[in-house]
Protein backbone atom coordinates (compact mmCIF):
# COMPACT_ATOMS: atom_id res chain seq x y z
CA MET A 1 17.31 1.65 7.41
CA GLU A 2 17.68 -1.60 5.51
CA GLU A 3 13.98 -1.97 4.63
CA GLU A 4 13.87 1.26 2.60
CA SER A 5 15.97 -0.26 -0.20
CA LYS A 6 13.62 -3.25 -0.66
CA THR A 7 10.83 -3.32 -3.23
CA ALA A 8 7.09 -3.55 -2.66
CA GLU A 9 7.19 -7.09 -4.04
CA TYR A 10 9.57 -8.13 -1.28
CA PHE A 11 7.20 -6.92 1.44
CA GLU A 12 4.19 -8.44 -0.33
CA ASN A 13 5.90 -11.85 -0.42
CA GLU A 14 6.69 -11.66 3.31
CA LYS A 15 3.03 -11.52 4.42
CA LYS A 16 3.74 -13.31 7.71
CA THR A 17 6.05 -10.46 8.74
CA TYR A 18 4.57 -7.38 7.04
CA GLU A 19 1.08 -5.98 6.57
CA ARG A 20 0.15 -3.78 3.59
CA LYS A 21 -2.08 -0.73 3.81
CA THR A 22 -3.17 1.38 0.86
CA VAL A 23 -3.92 5.09 1.35
CA TYR A 24 -6.63 6.66 -0.83
CA SER A 25 -7.74 10.26 -1.29
CA GLY A 26 -11.23 11.32 -0.22
CA PHE A 27 -12.32 11.25 -3.86
CA GLY A 28 -10.88 7.75 -4.25
CA TRP A 29 -12.96 6.53 -1.30
CA PHE A 30 -16.03 8.21 -2.77
CA LEU A 31 -15.55 6.42 -6.10
CA PHE A 32 -15.06 3.07 -4.40
CA THR A 33 -17.90 3.43 -1.88
CA PHE A 34 -20.69 5.05 -3.88
CA VAL A 35 -19.85 4.38 -7.52
CA GLY A 36 -18.04 1.04 -7.23
CA ILE A 37 -14.98 2.14 -9.21
CA SER A 38 -11.52 1.25 -7.93
CA ALA A 39 -9.15 4.20 -7.74
CA VAL A 40 -5.36 4.24 -7.73
CA PRO A 41 -4.12 4.69 -4.14
CA GLN A 42 -2.03 7.71 -3.19
CA LYS A 43 0.56 5.48 -1.56
CA VAL A 44 1.18 1.92 -0.41
CA GLU A 45 2.62 1.39 3.07
CA PHE A 46 4.03 -1.70 4.77
CA TYR A 47 4.04 -2.25 8.54
CA GLU A 48 5.67 -4.86 10.77
CA ARG A 49 2.93 -7.14 12.09
CA GLU A 50 4.44 -7.52 15.58
CA THR A 51 5.24 -3.88 16.34
CA GLY A 52 2.98 -1.95 13.98
CA LYS A 53 6.00 0.13 12.90
CA LYS A 54 5.93 1.49 9.33
CA VAL A 55 8.93 0.07 7.48
CA ALA A 56 8.31 1.26 3.92
CA SER A 57 6.12 3.60 1.90
CA PHE A 58 5.84 3.67 -1.89
CA SER A 59 4.20 6.47 -3.87
CA ASP A 60 5.65 5.90 -7.34
CA GLU A 61 3.06 5.44 -10.08
CA GLU A 62 4.19 1.96 -11.13
CA THR A 63 3.80 0.54 -7.61
CA ARG A 64 0.52 2.35 -6.93
CA LYS A 65 -1.06 0.92 -10.10
CA LYS A 66 -0.29 -2.62 -8.92
CA TYR A 67 -2.47 -2.08 -5.84
CA VAL A 68 -5.64 -0.63 -7.38
CA GLY A 69 -8.64 -1.89 -5.44
CA ARG A 70 -6.64 -3.86 -2.88
């Protein structure tokens, strides 16, 4: 699949085509909801807006840190 070789920045810059979703652990949601602290997500996923199909998922630490609290 061609999309798998693209970076998170590529998908972020193509907001008309792709939608970003961040996935947090239960503890991460607890920190954000009750304590107000932003946690690092477990992974960042990108979906096609038209079809809802997941086209990329990133779980490397560098990418995850860019999306804290988003």
